[in-house]
């Protein structure tokens, strides 16, 4: 449901050429702030409700999401499902959770993308893994209850699924909290569900425990960690969150450079779409280059993407002139 014409929404979805298989997509024109419109889509019977962020100013988008959550919690019939809210700014997460309580789960996409980019820059190949797991193709996360596994230790659960990879438990006694990679000695209790990575929700099931051959453990020496040089082109409004964890390294809401221990920052002012500004940087010395969607154009997805693409092409051209293409480049579309 959105404040758009029903036929326009259906046309946009048809242009995506998705294979919906057995899924039906029904569009309705209306406002989530009006109870009559919410009843029109039977919101009280929905298994889950997703509140999407709007394009444009982050605070205005989050304010609208907050009003939507208030409207949803005011439905007289109550809600059967939970509410997933997409926010644009991490600072507004507390307000939404305060209003929605346990019904609400928040996703701060802007913050998540920033953290993923840093991880991908430090671990080559990680971007492809995230794309496979979080995309709609290949394997995905699934949570399911298997009563036959009750009383089994997690170390045995790990080898009980030939076609899936167990990676956590949704613990019933903790109010449904998901514990990733629990201790091997954890014993599954009644009501616990197993979190796995699998191709589909009907492609896996537990089997009899396989026979394990014991072998001596070889202690492999880990290589010494080396410092990395990462170039960030552009400026996001949450640049501080990309560099350090907010709770540990921030003072009064701002980045305290003097408290950084493992990071050295060098700030260069310039325009990432002007070639001479990029040529003044030692591009050949960086291990990774992150191209950020600049906050000055974040209200327009087309402008942000065009600017990032221009920076990408310029850096590639400079690297070719320097005969250096070793630095990995990541950018947000």
C-alpha atoms as a PDB file:
ATOM      1  CA  UNK A   1       0.000   0.000   0.000  1.00  0.00           C
ATOM      2  CA  UNK A   2       1.290   3.436  -0.934  1.00  0.00           C
ATOM      3  CA  UNK A   3       0.114   6.911  -1.880  1.00  0.00           C
ATOM      4  CA  UNK A   4       0.277   6.076  -5.571  1.00  0.00           C
ATOM      5  CA  UNK A   5      -2.183   5.031  -8.205  1.00  0.00           C
ATOM      6  CA  UNK A   6      -2.847   1.282  -8.099  1.00  0.00           C
ATOM      7  CA  UNK A   7      -2.297   0.824 -11.837  1.00  0.00           C
ATOM      8  CA  UNK A   8       1.033   2.697 -11.705  1.00  0.00           C
ATOM      9  CA  UNK A   9       2.348   0.437  -8.949  1.00  0.00           C
ATOM     10  CA  UNK A  10       1.289  -2.704 -10.812  1.00  0.00           C
ATOM     11  CA  UNK A  11       2.964  -1.424 -13.985  1.00  0.00           C
ATOM     12  CA  UNK A  12       6.240  -0.711 -12.153  1.00  0.00           C
ATOM     13  CA  UNK A  13       6.233  -4.198 -10.633  1.00  0.00           C
ATOM     14  CA  UNK A  14       5.537  -5.764 -14.033  1.00  0.00           C
ATOM     15  CA  UNK A  15       8.588  -3.966 -15.479  1.00  0.00           C
ATOM     16  CA  UNK A  16      10.845  -5.718 -12.952  1.00  0.00           C
ATOM     17  CA  UNK A  17      10.222  -9.077 -14.682  1.00  0.00           C
ATOM     18  CA  UNK A  18      10.515 -11.050 -11.441  1.00  0.00           C
ATOM     19  CA  UNK A  19       9.583 -14.713 -11.328  1.00  0.00           C
ATOM     20  CA  UNK A  20       7.088 -14.634  -8.454  1.00  0.00           C
ATOM     21  CA  UNK A  21       6.306 -18.370  -8.791  1.00  0.00           C
ATOM     22  CA  UNK A  22       3.428 -18.955  -6.318  1.00  0.00           C
ATOM     23  CA  UNK A  23       3.556 -15.450  -4.801  1.00  0.00           C
ATOM     24  CA  UNK A  24       0.778 -12.971  -5.580  1.00  0.00           C
ATOM     25  CA  UNK A  25       1.445  -9.221  -5.316  1.00  0.00           C
ATOM     26  CA  UNK A  26      -1.647  -7.090  -4.660  1.00  0.00           C
ATOM     27  CA  UNK A  27      -1.357  -3.297  -4.762  1.00  0.00           C
ATOM     28  CA  UNK A  28      -3.613  -0.888  -2.897  1.00  0.00           C
ATOM     29  CA  UNK A  29      -3.652   2.896  -2.976  1.00  0.00           C
ATOM     30  CA  UNK A  30      -3.901   4.523   0.440  1.00  0.00           C
ATOM     31  CA  UNK A  31      -2.128   5.971   3.463  1.00  0.00           C
ATOM     32  CA  UNK A  32      -0.829   3.926   6.419  1.00  0.00           C
ATOM     33  CA  UNK A  33      -1.748   6.877   8.640  1.00  0.00           C
ATOM     34  CA  UNK A  34      -5.469   6.376   7.965  1.00  0.00           C
ATOM     35  CA  UNK A  35      -7.092   3.513   9.881  1.00  0.00           C
ATOM     36  CA  UNK A  36      -9.720   2.981   7.174  1.00  0.00           C
ATOM     37  CA  UNK A  37      -6.964   2.359   4.610  1.00  0.00           C
ATOM     38  CA  UNK A  38      -5.215  -0.059   6.976  1.00  0.00           C
ATOM     39  CA  UNK A  39      -8.433  -2.037   7.380  1.00  0.00           C
ATOM     40  CA  UNK A  40      -8.729  -2.132   3.595  1.00  0.00           C
ATOM     41  CA  UNK A  41      -5.579  -4.286   3.459  1.00  0.00           C
ATOM     42  CA  UNK A  42      -6.532  -6.374   6.550  1.00  0.00           C
ATOM     43  CA  UNK A  43      -3.473  -5.185   8.443  1.00  0.00           C
ATOM     44  CA  UNK A  44      -4.564  -6.982  11.624  1.00  0.00           C
ATOM     45  CA  UNK A  45      -4.322 -10.365   9.846  1.00  0.00           C
ATOM     46  CA  UNK A  46      -0.930  -9.798   8.197  1.00  0.00           C
ATOM     47  CA  UNK A  47       1.858 -12.211   9.125  1.00  0.00           C
ATOM     48  CA  UNK A  48       4.349  -9.334   8.899  1.00  0.00           C
ATOM     49  CA  UNK A  49       4.218  -5.615   8.105  1.00  0.00           C
ATOM     50  CA  UNK A  50       7.081  -3.825   6.346  1.00  0.00           C
ATOM     51  CA  UNK A  51       7.390  -0.044   6.591  1.00  0.00           C
ATOM     52  CA  UNK A  52       9.702   1.230   3.844  1.00  0.00           C
ATOM     53  CA  UNK A  53      11.770   4.409   4.013  1.00  0.00           C
ATOM     54  CA  UNK A  54      10.986   7.198   1.573  1.00  0.00           C
ATOM     55  CA  UNK A  55      13.424   8.910  -0.769  1.00  0.00           C
ATOM     56  CA  UNK A  56      14.682  12.308   0.311  1.00  0.00           C
ATOM     57  CA  UNK A  57      15.580  13.772   3.678  1.00  0.00           C
ATOM     58  CA  UNK A  58      16.499  11.105   6.247  1.00  0.00           C
ATOM     59  CA  UNK A  59      14.847  12.780   9.250  1.00  0.00           C
ATOM     60  CA  UNK A  60      11.607  13.417   7.358  1.00  0.00           C
ATOM     61  CA  UNK A  61      11.523   9.808   6.167  1.00  0.00           C
ATOM     62  CA  UNK A  62      12.086   8.485   9.696  1.00  0.00           C
ATOM     63  CA  UNK A  63       9.460  10.863  11.110  1.00  0.00           C
ATOM     64  CA  UNK A  64       6.932   9.415   8.677  1.00  0.00           C
ATOM     65  CA  UNK A  65       7.967   5.871   9.663  1.00  0.00           C
ATOM     66  CA  UNK A  66       7.426   6.805  13.324  1.00  0.00           C
ATOM     67  CA  UNK A  67       3.918   8.103  12.580  1.00  0.00           C
ATOM     68  CA  UNK A  68       3.170   4.914  10.645  1.00  0.00           C
ATOM     69  CA  UNK A  69       4.214   2.751  13.610  1.00  0.00           C
ATOM     70  CA  UNK A  70       2.002   4.852  15.885  1.00  0.00           C
ATOM     71  CA  UNK A  71      -0.899   4.317  13.506  1.00  0.00           C
ATOM     72  CA  UNK A  72      -0.293   0.559  13.334  1.00  0.00           C
ATOM     73  CA  UNK A  73      -0.121   0.143  17.104  1.00  0.00           C
ATOM     74  CA  UNK A  74      -3.465   1.949  17.339  1.00  0.00           C
ATOM     75  CA  UNK A  75      -5.384  -0.656  15.328  1.00  0.00           C
ATOM     76  CA  UNK A  76      -8.241  -1.803  17.585  1.00  0.00           C
ATOM     77  CA  UNK A  77      -8.218  -5.394  16.370  1.00  0.00           C
ATOM     78  CA  UNK A  78      -4.525  -5.694  17.246  1.00  0.00           C
ATOM     79  CA  UNK A  79      -1.746  -7.069  15.059  1.00  0.00           C
ATOM     80  CA  UNK A  80      -1.044 -10.740  14.492  1.00  0.00           C
ATOM     81  CA  UNK A  81       2.394 -10.175  12.962  1.00  0.00           C
ATOM     82  CA  UNK A  82       5.460  -8.107  13.753  1.00  0.00           C
ATOM     83  CA  UNK A  83       6.502  -4.806  12.158  1.00  0.00           C
ATOM     84  CA  UNK A  84       9.782  -4.370  10.260  1.00  0.00           C
ATOM     85  CA  UNK A  85      10.705  -0.697   9.865  1.00  0.00           C
ATOM     86  CA  UNK A  86      13.346   0.620   7.477  1.00  0.00           C
ATOM     87  CA  UNK A  87      15.023   3.714   8.921  1.00  0.00           C
ATOM     88  CA  UNK A  88      17.454   6.135   7.317  1.00  0.00           C
ATOM     89  CA  UNK A  89      19.316   7.366  10.410  1.00  0.00           C
ATOM     90  CA  UNK A  90      20.634   5.265  13.291  1.00  0.00           C
ATOM     91  CA  UNK A  91      19.889   8.044  15.803  1.00  0.00           C
ATOM     92  CA  UNK A  92      16.137   7.665  15.200  1.00  0.00           C
ATOM     93  CA  UNK A  93      16.086   3.946  15.990  1.00  0.00           C
ATOM     94  CA  UNK A  94      15.490   4.467  19.726  1.00  0.00           C
ATOM     95  CA  UNK A  95      12.323   6.515  19.149  1.00  0.00           C
ATOM     96  CA  UNK A  96      10.742   3.929  16.870  1.00  0.00           C
ATOM     97  CA  UNK A  97      11.508   1.067  19.272  1.00  0.00           C
ATOM     98  CA  UNK A  98      10.145   3.150  22.144  1.00  0.00           C
ATOM     99  CA  UNK A  99       6.830   3.553  20.327  1.00  0.00           C
ATOM    100  CA  UNK A 100       6.540   0.056  18.844  1.00  0.00           C
ATOM    101  CA  UNK A 101       8.023  -1.980  21.685  1.00  0.00           C
ATOM    102  CA  UNK A 102       8.563  -5.694  21.088  1.00  0.00           C
ATOM    103  CA  UNK A 103       6.380  -5.601  17.967  1.00  0.00           C
ATOM    104  CA  UNK A 104       8.972  -3.605  16.032  1.00  0.00           C
ATOM    105  CA  UNK A 105      12.209  -4.695  14.399  1.00  0.00           C
ATOM    106  CA  UNK A 106      14.273  -1.943  12.787  1.00  0.00           C
ATOM    107  CA  UNK A 107      16.645  -2.048   9.822  1.00  0.00           C
ATOM    108  CA  UNK A 108      18.891   0.992   9.350  1.00  0.00           C
ATOM    109  CA  UNK A 109      19.878   0.278   5.756  1.00  0.00           C
ATOM    110  CA  UNK A 110      22.241   3.247   5.446  1.00  0.00           C
ATOM    111  CA  UNK A 111      24.214   2.154   8.511  1.00  0.00           C
ATOM    112  CA  UNK A 112      24.235  -1.525   7.510  1.00  0.00           C
ATOM    113  CA  UNK A 113      25.574  -0.737   4.030  1.00  0.00           C
ATOM    114  CA  UNK A 114      28.364   1.382   5.499  1.00  0.00           C
ATOM    115  CA  UNK A 115      29.468  -1.410   7.822  1.00  0.00           C
ATOM    116  CA  UNK A 116      29.266  -4.001   5.036  1.00  0.00           C
ATOM    117  CA  UNK A 117      31.461  -1.854   2.794  1.00  0.00           C
ATOM    118  CA  UNK A 118      34.166  -1.669   5.458  1.00  0.00           C
ATOM    119  CA  UNK A 119      34.029  -5.450   5.951  1.00  0.00           C
ATOM    120  CA  UNK A 120      34.176  -6.082   2.201  1.00  0.00           C
ATOM    121  CA  UNK A 121      37.183  -3.789   1.874  1.00  0.00           C
ATOM    122  CA  UNK A 122      39.061  -5.765   4.536  1.00  0.00           C
ATOM    123  CA  UNK A 123      38.031  -9.226   3.293  1.00  0.00           C
ATOM    124  CA  UNK A 124      38.334  -9.776  -0.492  1.00  0.00           C
ATOM    125  CA  UNK A 125      35.466 -11.876  -1.838  1.00  0.00           C
ATOM    126  CA  UNK A 126      33.113 -11.078   1.037  1.00  0.00           C
ATOM    127  CA  UNK A 127      30.936  -8.877  -1.193  1.00  0.00           C
ATOM    128  CA  UNK A 128      30.017 -11.896  -3.343  1.00  0.00           C
ATOM    129  CA  UNK A 129      29.107 -13.891  -0.216  1.00  0.00           C
ATOM    130  CA  UNK A 130      26.789 -11.136   1.051  1.00  0.00           C
ATOM    131  CA  UNK A 131      25.180 -10.876  -2.379  1.00  0.00           C
ATOM    132  CA  UNK A 132      24.522 -14.625  -2.498  1.00  0.00           C
ATOM    133  CA  UNK A 133      23.133 -14.907   1.041  1.00  0.00           C
ATOM    134  CA  UNK A 134      21.073 -11.705   1.113  1.00  0.00           C
ATOM    135  CA  UNK A 135      19.835 -11.966  -2.486  1.00  0.00           C
ATOM    136  CA  UNK A 136      16.822 -13.899  -3.748  1.00  0.00           C
ATOM    137  CA  UNK A 137      18.920 -16.438  -5.621  1.00  0.00           C
ATOM    138  CA  UNK A 138      21.164 -19.212  -4.301  1.00  0.00           C
ATOM    139  CA  UNK A 139      21.093 -20.014  -0.570  1.00  0.00           C
ATOM    140  CA  UNK A 140      19.287 -18.015   2.112  1.00  0.00           C
ATOM    141  CA  UNK A 141      18.661 -18.024   5.867  1.00  0.00           C
ATOM    142  CA  UNK A 142      15.793 -20.152   7.198  1.00  0.00           C
ATOM    143  CA  UNK A 143      14.511 -20.759  10.732  1.00  0.00           C
ATOM    144  CA  UNK A 144      12.550 -23.895  11.496  1.00  0.00           C
ATOM    145  CA  UNK A 145      11.634 -26.086  14.430  1.00  0.00           C
ATOM    146  CA  UNK A 146      12.690 -29.745  14.394  1.00  0.00           C
ATOM    147  CA  UNK A 147      11.205 -31.610  17.418  1.00  0.00           C
ATOM    148  CA  UNK A 148      13.393 -34.656  16.743  1.00  0.00           C
ATOM    149  CA  UNK A 149      16.469 -32.568  17.594  1.00  0.00           C
ATOM    150  CA  UNK A 150      15.290 -31.722  21.139  1.00  0.00           C
ATOM    151  CA  UNK A 151      17.878 -32.836  23.682  1.00  0.00           C
ATOM    152  CA  UNK A 152      20.685 -32.897  21.106  1.00  0.00           C
ATOM    153  CA  UNK A 153      23.873 -30.892  21.589  1.00  0.00           C
ATOM    154  CA  UNK A 154      24.593 -28.206  19.017  1.00  0.00           C
ATOM    155  CA  UNK A 155      27.839 -29.910  17.958  1.00  0.00           C
ATOM    156  CA  UNK A 156      25.693 -32.838  16.767  1.00  0.00           C
ATOM    157  CA  UNK A 157      23.138 -30.515  15.165  1.00  0.00           C
ATOM    158  CA  UNK A 158      25.961 -29.103  13.028  1.00  0.00           C
ATOM    159  CA  UNK A 159      26.413 -32.443  11.253  1.00  0.00           C
ATOM    160  CA  UNK A 160      22.735 -33.455  11.167  1.00  0.00           C
ATOM    161  CA  UNK A 161      21.814 -31.566   7.982  1.00  0.00           C
ATOM    162  CA  UNK A 162      23.378 -32.920   4.763  1.00  0.00           C
ATOM    163  CA  UNK A 163      21.882 -30.093   2.665  1.00  0.00           C
ATOM    164  CA  UNK A 164      22.092 -27.131   5.055  1.00  0.00           C
ATOM    165  CA  UNK A 165      24.541 -25.344   7.321  1.00  0.00           C
ATOM    166  CA  UNK A 166      23.295 -24.693  10.885  1.00  0.00           C
ATOM    167  CA  UNK A 167      24.618 -21.407  12.225  1.00  0.00           C
ATOM    168  CA  UNK A 168      22.419 -20.508  15.195  1.00  0.00           C
ATOM    169  CA  UNK A 169      19.450 -21.229  17.432  1.00  0.00           C
ATOM    170  CA  UNK A 170      16.269 -19.258  18.108  1.00  0.00           C
ATOM    171  CA  UNK A 171      16.068 -19.894  21.847  1.00  0.00           C
ATOM    172  CA  UNK A 172      12.498 -20.241  23.125  1.00  0.00           C
ATOM    173  CA  UNK A 173      13.477 -19.688  26.768  1.00  0.00           C
ATOM    174  CA  UNK A 174      15.049 -16.320  25.827  1.00  0.00           C
ATOM    175  CA  UNK A 175      11.840 -15.007  24.299  1.00  0.00           C
ATOM    176  CA  UNK A 176      12.802 -16.063  20.785  1.00  0.00           C
ATOM    177  CA  UNK A 177      16.238 -14.428  20.827  1.00  0.00           C
ATOM    178  CA  UNK A 178      18.548 -15.735  18.101  1.00  0.00           C
ATOM    179  CA  UNK A 179      21.959 -16.920  19.308  1.00  0.00           C
ATOM    180  CA  UNK A 180      24.515 -17.220  16.518  1.00  0.00           C
ATOM    181  CA  UNK A 181      27.174 -19.910  16.782  1.00  0.00           C
ATOM    182  CA  UNK A 182      26.218 -21.139  20.274  1.00  0.00           C
ATOM    183  CA  UNK A 183      28.533 -23.299  22.352  1.00  0.00           C
ATOM    184  CA  UNK A 184      28.960 -26.871  21.103  1.00  0.00           C
ATOM    185  CA  UNK A 185      27.628 -28.080  24.450  1.00  0.00           C
ATOM    186  CA  UNK A 186      24.330 -26.167  24.143  1.00  0.00           C
ATOM    187  CA  UNK A 187      21.406 -28.608  24.322  1.00  0.00           C
ATOM    188  CA  UNK A 188      18.332 -27.840  22.208  1.00  0.00           C
ATOM    189  CA  UNK A 189      15.225 -27.422  24.347  1.00  0.00           C
ATOM    190  CA  UNK A 190      11.554 -27.793  23.495  1.00  0.00           C
ATOM    191  CA  UNK A 191      10.458 -24.861  21.343  1.00  0.00           C
ATOM    192  CA  UNK A 192      13.957 -24.027  20.068  1.00  0.00           C
ATOM    193  CA  UNK A 193      14.322 -23.430  16.333  1.00  0.00           C
ATOM    194  CA  UNK A 194      17.436 -23.958  14.217  1.00  0.00           C
ATOM    195  CA  UNK A 195      18.803 -21.202  11.970  1.00  0.00           C
ATOM    196  CA  UNK A 196      20.408 -22.579   8.806  1.00  0.00           C
ATOM    197  CA  UNK A 197      21.708 -21.519   5.416  1.00  0.00           C
ATOM    198  CA  UNK A 198      19.969 -23.583   2.740  1.00  0.00           C
ATOM    199  CA  UNK A 199      18.796 -23.417  -0.859  1.00  0.00           C
ATOM    200  CA  UNK A 200      15.098 -23.311   0.087  1.00  0.00           C
ATOM    201  CA  UNK A 201      12.887 -24.031   3.079  1.00  0.00           C
ATOM    202  CA  UNK A 202      11.851 -27.414   1.667  1.00  0.00           C
ATOM    203  CA  UNK A 203      15.254 -28.629   0.453  1.00  0.00           C
ATOM    204  CA  UNK A 204      16.695 -29.701   3.800  1.00  0.00           C
ATOM    205  CA  UNK A 205      15.839 -31.843   6.806  1.00  0.00           C
ATOM    206  CA  UNK A 206      17.823 -33.548   9.588  1.00  0.00           C
ATOM    207  CA  UNK A 207      19.207 -37.006   8.951  1.00  0.00           C
ATOM    208  CA  UNK A 208      20.865 -39.674  11.063  1.00  0.00           C
ATOM    209  CA  UNK A 209      24.188 -38.646  12.561  1.00  0.00           C
ATOM    210  CA  UNK A 210      27.050 -39.614  10.238  1.00  0.00           C
ATOM    211  CA  UNK A 211      30.021 -41.638  11.399  1.00  0.00           C
ATOM    212  CA  UNK A 212      32.898 -39.339  12.307  1.00  0.00           C
ATOM    213  CA  UNK A 213      36.507 -40.450  12.039  1.00  0.00           C
ATOM    214  CA  UNK A 214      38.742 -38.871  14.629  1.00  0.00           C
ATOM    215  CA  UNK A 215      41.941 -37.239  13.484  1.00  0.00           C
ATOM    216  CA  UNK A 216      44.760 -35.395  15.176  1.00  0.00           C
ATOM    217  CA  UNK A 217      44.410 -31.626  15.231  1.00  0.00           C
ATOM    218  CA  UNK A 218      47.117 -29.723  13.404  1.00  0.00           C
ATOM    219  CA  UNK A 219      47.975 -26.339  14.783  1.00  0.00           C
ATOM    220  CA  UNK A 220      48.303 -24.021  11.787  1.00  0.00           C
ATOM    221  CA  UNK A 221      50.223 -20.837  12.437  1.00  0.00           C
ATOM    222  CA  UNK A 222      48.275 -17.748  11.427  1.00  0.00           C
ATOM    223  CA  UNK A 223      50.112 -15.210   9.267  1.00  0.00           C
ATOM    224  CA  UNK A 224      51.003 -11.902  10.870  1.00  0.00           C
ATOM    225  CA  UNK A 225      48.360  -9.220  10.388  1.00  0.00           C
ATOM    226  CA  UNK A 226      49.419  -6.326   8.196  1.00  0.00           C
ATOM    227  CA  UNK A 227      48.101  -2.803   8.224  1.00  0.00           C
ATOM    228  CA  UNK A 228      45.831  -1.805   5.341  1.00  0.00           C
ATOM    229  CA  UNK A 229      45.367   1.491   3.555  1.00  0.00           C
ATOM    230  CA  UNK A 230      41.778   2.244   2.556  1.00  0.00           C
ATOM    231  CA  UNK A 231      40.671   5.281   0.557  1.00  0.00           C
ATOM    232  CA  UNK A 232      37.136   6.600   1.129  1.00  0.00           C
ATOM    233  CA  UNK A 233      35.958   8.818  -1.742  1.00  0.00           C
ATOM    234  CA  UNK A 234      32.966  10.945  -0.773  1.00  0.00           C
ATOM    235  CA  UNK A 235      31.364  11.863   2.533  1.00  0.00           C
ATOM    236  CA  UNK A 236      28.393  10.111   4.139  1.00  0.00           C
ATOM    237  CA  UNK A 237      26.497  11.556   7.078  1.00  0.00           C
ATOM    238  CA  UNK A 238      27.397   8.428   9.072  1.00  0.00           C
ATOM    239  CA  UNK A 239      31.089   8.426   8.159  1.00  0.00           C
ATOM    240  CA  UNK A 240      31.956   8.202  11.859  1.00  0.00           C
ATOM    241  CA  UNK A 241      29.967   4.964  12.230  1.00  0.00           C
ATOM    242  CA  UNK A 242      31.895   3.471   9.311  1.00  0.00           C
ATOM    243  CA  UNK A 243      35.196   4.139  11.040  1.00  0.00           C
ATOM    244  CA  UNK A 244      34.512   3.064  14.600  1.00  0.00           C
ATOM    245  CA  UNK A 245      31.696   1.718  16.714  1.00  0.00           C
ATOM    246  CA  UNK A 246      29.640   4.604  18.001  1.00  0.00           C
ATOM    247  CA  UNK A 247      29.349   3.450  21.620  1.00  0.00           C
ATOM    248  CA  UNK A 248      33.051   2.863  22.122  1.00  0.00           C
ATOM    249  CA  UNK A 249      34.812   5.638  20.263  1.00  0.00           C
ATOM    250  CA  UNK A 250      32.453   8.609  20.042  1.00  0.00           C
ATOM    251  CA  UNK A 251      32.219  11.538  22.401  1.00  0.00           C
ATOM    252  CA  UNK A 252      29.188  13.845  22.408  1.00  0.00           C
ATOM    253  CA  UNK A 253      28.003  12.443  19.082  1.00  0.00           C
ATOM    254  CA  UNK A 254      31.195  13.302  17.205  1.00  0.00           C
ATOM    255  CA  UNK A 255      34.261  11.335  16.197  1.00  0.00           C
ATOM    256  CA  UNK A 256      37.109  11.745  18.701  1.00  0.00           C
ATOM    257  CA  UNK A 257      40.244  11.233  16.611  1.00  0.00           C
ATOM    258  CA  UNK A 258      42.503  11.347  19.678  1.00  0.00           C
ATOM    259  CA  UNK A 259      40.907   8.163  21.074  1.00  0.00           C
ATOM    260  CA  UNK A 260      41.547   6.032  17.997  1.00  0.00           C
ATOM    261  CA  UNK A 261      44.105   3.293  18.674  1.00  0.00           C
ATOM    262  CA  UNK A 262      44.219   1.061  15.589  1.00  0.00           C
ATOM    263  CA  UNK A 263      43.222   3.621  12.951  1.00  0.00           C
ATOM    264  CA  UNK A 264      45.131   6.577  11.529  1.00  0.00           C
ATOM    265  CA  UNK A 265      43.027   9.138   9.660  1.00  0.00           C
ATOM    266  CA  UNK A 266      44.213  11.471   6.910  1.00  0.00           C
ATOM    267  CA  UNK A 267      41.620  13.887   5.516  1.00  0.00           C
ATOM    268  CA  UNK A 268      42.036  15.438   2.070  1.00  0.00           C
ATOM    269  CA  UNK A 269      39.532  17.987   0.801  1.00  0.00           C
ATOM    270  CA  UNK A 270      38.583  17.778  -2.855  1.00  0.00           C
ATOM    271  CA  UNK A 271      35.995  16.787  -5.430  1.00  0.00           C
ATOM    272  CA  UNK A 272      35.815  13.077  -6.246  1.00  0.00           C
ATOM    273  CA  UNK A 273      34.572  13.757  -9.791  1.00  0.00           C
ATOM    274  CA  UNK A 274      37.458  16.059 -10.749  1.00  0.00           C
ATOM    275  CA  UNK A 275      40.393  14.146 -12.212  1.00  0.00           C
ATOM    276  CA  UNK A 276      43.179  16.427 -10.996  1.00  0.00           C
ATOM    277  CA  UNK A 277      41.939  16.086  -7.409  1.00  0.00           C
ATOM    278  CA  UNK A 278      42.054  12.292  -7.680  1.00  0.00           C
ATOM    279  CA  UNK A 279      45.475  12.388  -9.367  1.00  0.00           C
ATOM    280  CA  UNK A 280      46.875  14.229  -6.337  1.00  0.00           C
ATOM    281  CA  UNK A 281      46.215  11.092  -4.244  1.00  0.00           C
ATOM    282  CA  UNK A 282      48.676   8.157  -4.112  1.00  0.00           C
ATOM    283  CA  UNK A 283      46.107   5.739  -5.570  1.00  0.00           C
ATOM    284  CA  UNK A 284      48.740   3.065  -6.162  1.00  0.00           C
ATOM    285  CA  UNK A 285      49.376   2.774  -2.407  1.00  0.00           C
ATOM    286  CA  UNK A 286      45.841   1.804  -1.328  1.00  0.00           C
ATOM    287  CA  UNK A 287      44.704  -1.777  -0.733  1.00  0.00           C
ATOM    288  CA  UNK A 288      41.024  -0.889  -1.217  1.00  0.00           C
ATOM    289  CA  UNK A 289      39.032   2.093  -2.451  1.00  0.00           C
ATOM    290  CA  UNK A 290      35.470   2.760  -1.253  1.00  0.00           C
ATOM    291  CA  UNK A 291      33.333   5.087  -3.362  1.00  0.00           C
ATOM    292  CA  UNK A 292      30.588   6.506  -1.159  1.00  0.00           C
ATOM    293  CA  UNK A 293      27.287   8.051  -2.208  1.00  0.00           C
ATOM    294  CA  UNK A 294      27.963  11.649  -1.160  1.00  0.00           C
ATOM    295  CA  UNK A 295      25.551  13.156   1.363  1.00  0.00           C
ATOM    296  CA  UNK A 296      25.232  16.301  -0.777  1.00  0.00           C
ATOM    297  CA  UNK A 297      23.259  14.308  -3.387  1.00  0.00           C
ATOM    298  CA  UNK A 298      21.807  11.493  -1.270  1.00  0.00           C
ATOM    299  CA  UNK A 299      18.272  12.860  -1.754  1.00  0.00           C
ATOM    300  CA  UNK A 300      18.520  11.891  -5.440  1.00  0.00           C
ATOM    301  CA  UNK A 301      19.399   8.281  -6.226  1.00  0.00           C
ATOM    302  CA  UNK A 302      20.115   9.101  -9.895  1.00  0.00           C
ATOM    303  CA  UNK A 303      22.524  11.918  -9.019  1.00  0.00           C
ATOM    304  CA  UNK A 304      24.268   9.843  -6.356  1.00  0.00           C
ATOM    305  CA  UNK A 305      24.733   6.887  -8.720  1.00  0.00           C
ATOM    306  CA  UNK A 306      25.935   9.124 -11.560  1.00  0.00           C
ATOM    307  CA  UNK A 307      28.495  10.758  -9.293  1.00  0.00           C
ATOM    308  CA  UNK A 308      29.745   7.415  -7.968  1.00  0.00           C
ATOM    309  CA  UNK A 309      30.016   6.009 -11.497  1.00  0.00           C
ATOM    310  CA  UNK A 310      31.993   9.063 -12.660  1.00  0.00           C
ATOM    311  CA  UNK A 311      34.427   8.625  -9.753  1.00  0.00           C
ATOM    312  CA  UNK A 312      34.784   4.918 -10.558  1.00  0.00           C
ATOM    313  CA  UNK A 313      35.630   5.604 -14.214  1.00  0.00           C
ATOM    314  CA  UNK A 314      38.144   8.326 -13.320  1.00  0.00           C
ATOM    315  CA  UNK A 315      39.942   6.114 -10.789  1.00  0.00           C
ATOM    316  CA  UNK A 316      40.108   3.241 -13.288  1.00  0.00           C
ATOM    317  CA  UNK A 317      41.587   5.594 -15.878  1.00  0.00           C
ATOM    318  CA  UNK A 318      44.217   6.894 -13.443  1.00  0.00           C
ATOM    319  CA  UNK A 319      45.092   3.346 -12.360  1.00  0.00           C
ATOM    320  CA  UNK A 320      45.593   2.304 -15.974  1.00  0.00           C
ATOM    321  CA  UNK A 321      47.940   5.235 -16.511  1.00  0.00           C
ATOM    322  CA  UNK A 322      49.873   4.190 -13.409  1.00  0.00           C
ATOM    323  CA  UNK A 323      49.854   0.529 -14.534  1.00  0.00           C
ATOM    324  CA  UNK A 324      48.340  -0.346 -11.159  1.00  0.00           C
ATOM    325  CA  UNK A 325      45.036  -2.164 -10.875  1.00  0.00           C
ATOM    326  CA  UNK A 326      45.698  -3.994  -7.616  1.00  0.00           C
ATOM    327  CA  UNK A 327      43.411  -1.916  -5.411  1.00  0.00           C
ATOM    328  CA  UNK A 328      39.915  -3.350  -5.010  1.00  0.00           C
ATOM    329  CA  UNK A 329      37.155  -0.812  -5.658  1.00  0.00           C
ATOM    330  CA  UNK A 330      33.703  -0.941  -4.021  1.00  0.00           C
ATOM    331  CA  UNK A 331      30.829   1.444  -4.583  1.00  0.00           C
ATOM    332  CA  UNK A 332      27.193   1.756  -3.537  1.00  0.00           C
ATOM    333  CA  UNK A 333      24.584   1.764  -6.280  1.00  0.00           C
END
